[in-house]
PDB file of N, CA and C in Angstrom:
ATOM      1  N   MET A   1      -8.909  -6.391  15.667  1.00  0.00           N
ATOM      2  CA  MET A   1      -7.953  -6.197  14.865  1.00  0.00           C
ATOM      3  C   MET A   1      -8.936  -6.468  13.278  1.00  0.00           C
ATOM      4  N   GLY A   2      -9.065  -5.526  12.395  1.00  0.00           N
ATOM      5  CA  GLY A   2      -9.400  -6.033  11.366  1.00  0.00           C
ATOM      6  C   GLY A   2      -8.489  -5.967  10.644  1.00  0.00           C
ATOM      7  N   LEU A   3      -9.131  -6.342   9.285  1.00  0.00           N
ATOM      8  CA  LEU A   3      -7.625  -5.784   7.608  1.00  0.00           C
ATOM      9  C   LEU A   3      -7.721  -4.854   7.352  1.00  0.00           C
ATOM     10  N   ARG A   4      -8.263  -3.458   7.562  1.00  0.00           N
ATOM     11  CA  ARG A   4      -7.845  -1.925   7.501  1.00  0.00           C
ATOM     12  C   ARG A   4      -6.341  -2.280   8.173  1.00  0.00           C
ATOM     13  N   ASP A   5      -6.779  -2.352   9.657  1.00  0.00           N
ATOM     14  CA  ASP A   5      -5.577  -2.356  10.316  1.00  0.00           C
ATOM     15  C   ASP A   5      -3.907  -3.344   9.906  1.00  0.00           C
ATOM     16  N   LEU A   6      -4.785  -4.805   9.638  1.00  0.00           N
ATOM     17  CA  LEU A   6      -3.767  -5.374   8.640  1.00  0.00           C
ATOM     18  C   LEU A   6      -2.511  -4.802   7.922  1.00  0.00           C
ATOM     19  N   TYR A   7      -3.704  -4.283   7.213  1.00  0.00           N
ATOM     20  CA  TYR A   7      -3.147  -3.039   5.646  1.00  0.00           C
ATOM     21  C   TYR A   7      -2.343  -1.636   6.767  1.00  0.00           C
ATOM     22  N   GLN A   8      -2.173  -1.017   7.093  1.00  0.00           N
ATOM     23  CA  GLN A   8      -1.941  -0.388   7.764  1.00  0.00           C
ATOM     24  C   GLN A   8      -0.447  -0.614   8.397  1.00  0.00           C
ATOM     25  N   ASP A   9      -0.622  -1.878   9.448  1.00  0.00           N
ATOM     26  CA  ASP A   9       0.889  -1.937   9.488  1.00  0.00           C
ATOM     27  C   ASP A   9       1.973  -3.517   8.384  1.00  0.00           C
ATOM     28  N   MET A  10       1.098  -3.358   6.960  1.00  0.00           N
ATOM     29  CA  MET A  10       2.389  -4.128   6.782  1.00  0.00           C
ATOM     30  C   MET A  10       2.949  -2.028   5.995  1.00  0.00           C
ATOM     31  N   LEU A  11       2.019  -1.378   5.523  1.00  0.00           N
ATOM     32  CA  LEU A  11       2.501  -0.737   4.913  1.00  0.00           C
ATOM     33  C   LEU A  11       3.747  -0.183   5.979  1.00  0.00           C
ATOM     34  N   ARG A  12       3.236   0.186   7.574  1.00  0.00           N
ATOM     35  CA  ARG A  12       4.324   0.666   8.211  1.00  0.00           C
ATOM     36  C   ARG A  12       5.169  -0.300   8.291  1.00  0.00           C
ATOM     37  N   LEU A  13       5.477  -1.258   8.220  1.00  0.00           N
ATOM     38  CA  LEU A  13       6.714  -2.730   8.461  1.00  0.00           C
ATOM     39  C   LEU A  13       6.964  -2.295   6.374  1.00  0.00           C
ATOM     40  N   ALA A  14       6.692  -2.463   6.088  1.00  0.00           N
ATOM     41  CA  ALA A  14       7.605  -2.180   4.796  1.00  0.00           C
ATOM     42  C   ALA A  14       8.637  -0.821   4.482  1.00  0.00           C
ATOM     43  N   GLY A  15       8.114  -0.099   5.305  1.00  0.00           N
ATOM     44  CA  GLY A  15       7.972   1.605   5.301  1.00  0.00           C
ATOM     45  C   GLY A  15       9.257   0.844   6.509  1.00  0.00           C
ATOM     46  N   GLU A  16       9.614   0.253   7.186  1.00  0.00           N
ATOM     47  CA  GLU A  16      10.821  -0.344   7.654  1.00  0.00           C
ATOM     48  C   GLU A  16      11.850  -0.933   7.562  1.00  0.00           C
ATOM     49  N   LEU A  17      11.443  -2.426   7.210  1.00  0.00           N
ATOM     50  CA  LEU A  17      11.848  -2.984   6.383  1.00  0.00           C
ATOM     51  C   LEU A  17      12.709  -2.585   5.134  1.00  0.00           C
ATOM     52  N   LEU A  18      11.971  -2.285   4.010  1.00  0.00           N
ATOM     53  CA  LEU A  18      12.619  -2.039   2.407  1.00  0.00           C
ATOM     54  C   LEU A  18      14.216  -1.117   2.641  1.00  0.00           C
ATOM     55  N   LYS A  19      14.672  -0.888   1.898  1.00  0.00           N
ATOM     56  CA  LYS A  19      15.683  -0.323   0.841  1.00  0.00           C
ATOM     57  C   LYS A  19      15.240   1.070   0.643  1.00  0.00           C
ATOM     58  N   PRO A  20      16.270   1.213   0.747  1.00  0.00           N
ATOM     59  CA  PRO A  20      15.783   3.035   0.233  1.00  0.00           C
ATOM     60  C   PRO A  20      15.770   2.580  -1.578  1.00  0.00           C
ATOM     61  N   GLY A  21      14.228   3.438  -2.090  1.00  0.00           N
ATOM     62  CA  GLY A  21      14.342   2.765  -3.098  1.00  0.00           C
ATOM     63  C   GLY A  21      13.809   1.532  -3.470  1.00  0.00           C
ATOM     64  N   GLY A  22      13.495   0.497  -2.111  1.00  0.00           N
ATOM     65  CA  GLY A  22      12.377  -0.589  -2.168  1.00  0.00           C
ATOM     66  C   GLY A  22      11.151  -0.144  -2.782  1.00  0.00           C
ATOM     67  N   VAL A  23      10.695  -1.126  -3.314  1.00  0.00           N
ATOM     68  CA  VAL A  23       9.791  -1.361  -4.176  1.00  0.00           C
ATOM     69  C   VAL A  23       8.270  -2.216  -3.413  1.00  0.00           C
ATOM     70  N   LEU A  24       7.155  -1.430  -3.217  1.00  0.00           N
ATOM     71  CA  LEU A  24       5.964  -2.610  -2.711  1.00  0.00           C
ATOM     72  C   LEU A  24       5.042  -2.158  -3.267  1.00  0.00           C
ATOM     73  N   VAL A  25       4.241  -3.651  -4.107  1.00  0.00           N
ATOM     74  CA  VAL A  25       3.043  -3.275  -4.784  1.00  0.00           C
ATOM     75  C   VAL A  25       1.871  -4.268  -4.196  1.00  0.00           C
ATOM     76  N   MET A  26       0.730  -3.843  -4.377  1.00  0.00           N
ATOM     77  CA  MET A  26      -0.272  -4.839  -3.254  1.00  0.00           C
ATOM     78  C   MET A  26      -1.450  -4.441  -4.148  1.00  0.00           C
ATOM     79  N   VAL A  27      -2.517  -4.647  -4.190  1.00  0.00           N
ATOM     80  CA  VAL A  27      -4.081  -4.683  -4.319  1.00  0.00           C
ATOM     81  C   VAL A  27      -4.410  -4.175  -3.389  1.00  0.00           C
ATOM     82  N   ASN A  28      -5.504  -2.616  -3.026  1.00  0.00           N
ATOM     83  CA  ASN A  28      -5.750  -2.728  -1.232  1.00  0.00           C
ATOM     84  C   ASN A  28      -6.969  -2.654  -2.275  1.00  0.00           C
ATOM     85  N   PRO A  29      -7.870  -3.234  -0.946  1.00  0.00           N
ATOM     86  CA  PRO A  29      -9.988  -2.997  -0.707  1.00  0.00           C
ATOM     87  C   PRO A  29     -10.046  -1.705  -0.566  1.00  0.00           C
ATOM     88  N   PHE A  30      -9.441  -0.913  -0.001  1.00  0.00           N
ATOM     89  CA  PHE A  30      -9.641   0.452   0.369  1.00  0.00           C
ATOM     90  C   PHE A  30      -8.882   1.537   0.711  1.00  0.00           C
ATOM     91  N   ARG A  31      -9.166   2.639   0.635  1.00  0.00           N
ATOM     92  CA  ARG A  31      -8.987   4.158   0.435  1.00  0.00           C
ATOM     93  C   ARG A  31      -7.677   4.575   1.228  1.00  0.00           C
ATOM     94  N   MET A  32      -6.828   4.627   0.756  1.00  0.00           N
ATOM     95  CA  MET A  32      -5.447   4.899   2.577  1.00  0.00           C
ATOM     96  C   MET A  32      -4.340   4.759   2.178  1.00  0.00           C
ATOM     97  N   GLU A  33      -3.887   5.994   2.129  1.00  0.00           N
ATOM     98  CA  GLU A  33      -1.780   5.587   2.320  1.00  0.00           C
ATOM     99  C   GLU A  33      -1.332   5.207   3.007  1.00  0.00           C
ATOM    100  N   ALA A  34       0.157   4.979   3.265  1.00  0.00           N
ATOM    101  CA  ALA A  34       0.763   5.120   4.189  1.00  0.00           C
ATOM    102  C   ALA A  34       0.316   6.686   5.511  1.00  0.00           C
ATOM    103  N   ARG A  35       0.490   5.913   6.654  1.00  0.00           N
ATOM    104  CA  ARG A  35       0.445   7.065   7.347  1.00  0.00           C
ATOM    105  C   ARG A  35       1.572   7.668   7.880  1.00  0.00           C
ATOM    106  N   GLN A  36       3.254   6.870   7.610  1.00  0.00           N
ATOM    107  CA  GLN A  36       4.107   7.463   7.880  1.00  0.00           C
ATOM    108  C   GLN A  36       4.654   8.011   6.837  1.00  0.00           C
ATOM    109  N   GLY A  37       5.377   9.171   7.037  1.00  0.00           N
ATOM    110  CA  GLY A  37       6.264   9.630   5.821  1.00  0.00           C
ATOM    111  C   GLY A  37       7.349   9.265   4.809  1.00  0.00           C
ATOM    112  N   LYS A  38       7.912   7.184   5.074  1.00  0.00           N
ATOM    113  CA  LYS A  38       8.496   6.366   4.747  1.00  0.00           C
ATOM    114  C   LYS A  38       8.758   6.619   3.829  1.00  0.00           C
ATOM    115  N   LEU A  39       7.035   5.664   2.848  1.00  0.00           N
ATOM    116  CA  LEU A  39       6.622   5.128   1.514  1.00  0.00           C
ATOM    117  C   LEU A  39       6.278   6.127   0.989  1.00  0.00           C
ATOM    118  N   GLN A  40       6.427   6.076  -0.079  1.00  0.00           N
ATOM    119  CA  GLN A  40       5.313   7.474  -0.888  1.00  0.00           C
ATOM    120  C   GLN A  40       4.920   6.682  -2.230  1.00  0.00           C
ATOM    121  N   ARG A  41       3.977   6.551  -2.600  1.00  0.00           N
ATOM    122  CA  ARG A  41       2.913   6.252  -3.487  1.00  0.00           C
ATOM    123  C   ARG A  41       3.064   6.742  -4.942  1.00  0.00           C
ATOM    124  N   ASP A  42       3.715   5.792  -5.469  1.00  0.00           N
ATOM    125  CA  ASP A  42       3.800   6.826  -6.841  1.00  0.00           C
ATOM    126  C   ASP A  42       2.890   6.363  -8.124  1.00  0.00           C
ATOM    127  N   TYR A  43       1.946   5.037  -7.612  1.00  0.00           N
ATOM    128  CA  TYR A  43       1.335   4.735  -8.344  1.00  0.00           C
ATOM    129  C   TYR A  43      -0.226   4.303  -7.717  1.00  0.00           C
ATOM    130  N   ALA A  44      -1.631   4.302  -8.809  1.00  0.00           N
ATOM    131  CA  ALA A  44      -2.914   4.123  -8.104  1.00  0.00           C
ATOM    132  C   ALA A  44      -3.535   3.952  -9.834  1.00  0.00           C
ATOM    133  N   GLN A  45      -4.365   2.664  -9.406  1.00  0.00           N
ATOM    134  CA  GLN A  45      -5.095   2.525 -10.474  1.00  0.00           C
ATOM    135  C   GLN A  45      -6.289   1.459 -10.032  1.00  0.00           C
ATOM    136  N   THR A  46      -7.488   1.756 -10.385  1.00  0.00           N
ATOM    137  CA  THR A  46      -8.731   0.828  -9.270  1.00  0.00           C
ATOM    138  C   THR A  46      -9.070   0.146 -10.569  1.00  0.00           C
ATOM    139  N   VAL A  47      -9.355  -0.969 -10.232  1.00  0.00           N
ATOM    140  CA  VAL A  47      -9.397  -2.167 -10.802  1.00  0.00           C
ATOM    141  C   VAL A  47     -10.090  -3.127 -10.443  1.00  0.00           C
ATOM    142  N   ASP A  48     -10.593  -3.574 -11.445  1.00  0.00           N
ATOM    143  CA  ASP A  48     -12.048  -4.513 -11.109  1.00  0.00           C
ATOM    144  C   ASP A  48     -11.756  -6.232 -11.039  1.00  0.00           C
ATOM    145  N   LEU A  49     -12.136  -6.264  -9.793  1.00  0.00           N
ATOM    146  CA  LEU A  49     -11.215  -7.637  -9.485  1.00  0.00           C
ATOM    147  C   LEU A  49     -12.326  -9.116  -9.176  1.00  0.00           C
ATOM    148  N   GLY A  50     -13.773  -8.720 -10.532  1.00  0.00           N
ATOM    149  CA  GLY A  50     -14.628  -9.333 -10.599  1.00  0.00           C
ATOM    150  C   GLY A  50     -15.881  -9.610  -9.877  1.00  0.00           C
ATOM    151  N   GLY A  51     -16.501  -8.474  -9.939  1.00  0.00           N
ATOM    152  CA  GLY A  51     -17.633  -7.339  -8.862  1.00  0.00           C
ATOM    153  C   GLY A  51     -16.920  -6.618  -7.595  1.00  0.00           C
ATOM    154  N   PHE A  52     -16.724  -6.259  -7.918  1.00  0.00           N
ATOM    155  CA  PHE A  52     -15.606  -5.240  -6.739  1.00  0.00           C
ATOM    156  C   PHE A  52     -14.622  -4.361  -6.958  1.00  0.00           C
ATOM    157  N   ASP A  53     -14.388  -3.424  -6.697  1.00  0.00           N
ATOM    158  CA  ASP A  53     -13.151  -2.501  -7.153  1.00  0.00           C
ATOM    159  C   ASP A  53     -12.136  -2.368  -5.965  1.00  0.00           C
ATOM    160  N   CYS A  54     -10.719  -2.390  -6.176  1.00  0.00           N
ATOM    161  CA  CYS A  54      -9.896  -2.355  -5.893  1.00  0.00           C
ATOM    162  C   CYS A  54      -8.840  -1.535  -6.149  1.00  0.00           C
ATOM    163  N   HIS A  55      -7.850  -1.012  -5.480  1.00  0.00           N
ATOM    164  CA  HIS A  55      -7.146  -0.656  -6.195  1.00  0.00           C
ATOM    165  C   HIS A  55      -5.605  -1.230  -6.019  1.00  0.00           C
ATOM    166  N   LEU A  56      -4.751  -0.739  -7.205  1.00  0.00           N
ATOM    167  CA  LEU A  56      -3.504  -1.558  -7.633  1.00  0.00           C
ATOM    168  C   LEU A  56      -2.559  -0.644  -7.180  1.00  0.00           C
ATOM    169  N   GLU A  57      -1.362  -0.395  -6.418  1.00  0.00           N
ATOM    170  CA  GLU A  57      -1.033   0.810  -5.917  1.00  0.00           C
ATOM    171  C   GLU A  57       0.675   0.612  -6.023  1.00  0.00           C
ATOM    172  N   ARG A  58       1.287   0.867  -5.784  1.00  0.00           N
ATOM    173  CA  ARG A  58       3.366   0.455  -6.006  1.00  0.00           C
ATOM    174  C   ARG A  58       3.958   1.968  -4.904  1.00  0.00           C
ATOM    175  N   TYR A  59       4.438   1.208  -4.062  1.00  0.00           N
ATOM    176  CA  TYR A  59       5.016   2.924  -3.056  1.00  0.00           C
ATOM    177  C   TYR A  59       6.399   1.841  -3.220  1.00  0.00           C
ATOM    178  N   ARG A  60       7.040   3.461  -3.096  1.00  0.00           N
ATOM    179  CA  ARG A  60       8.861   3.126  -2.980  1.00  0.00           C
ATOM    180  C   ARG A  60       8.968   3.983  -1.528  1.00  0.00           C
ATOM    181  N   ARG A  61      10.266   2.884  -1.114  1.00  0.00           N
ATOM    182  CA  ARG A  61      10.697   3.873  -0.109  1.00  0.00           C
ATOM    183  C   ARG A  61      12.123   4.771  -0.305  1.00  0.00           C
ATOM    184  N   LYS A  62      11.682   5.775   0.552  1.00  0.00           N
ATOM    185  CA  LYS A  62      12.530   6.988   0.021  1.00  0.00           C
ATOM    186  C   LYS A  62      13.835   6.876   0.674  1.00  0.00           C
TER     187      LYS A  62
END
């Protein structure tokens, strides 16, 4: 299991565990979105974390 798999698992679990309207905010080093339809990304911005770019993202549970 790699770091990308860990992020996918976190998105999957957040989709299952958050109540409708719940929010997940995270810094994501990968260009990817939630695979299942329970979370919707409603904000994304690239940020510089001191030498490498990551994506600040906000997801809402539908």
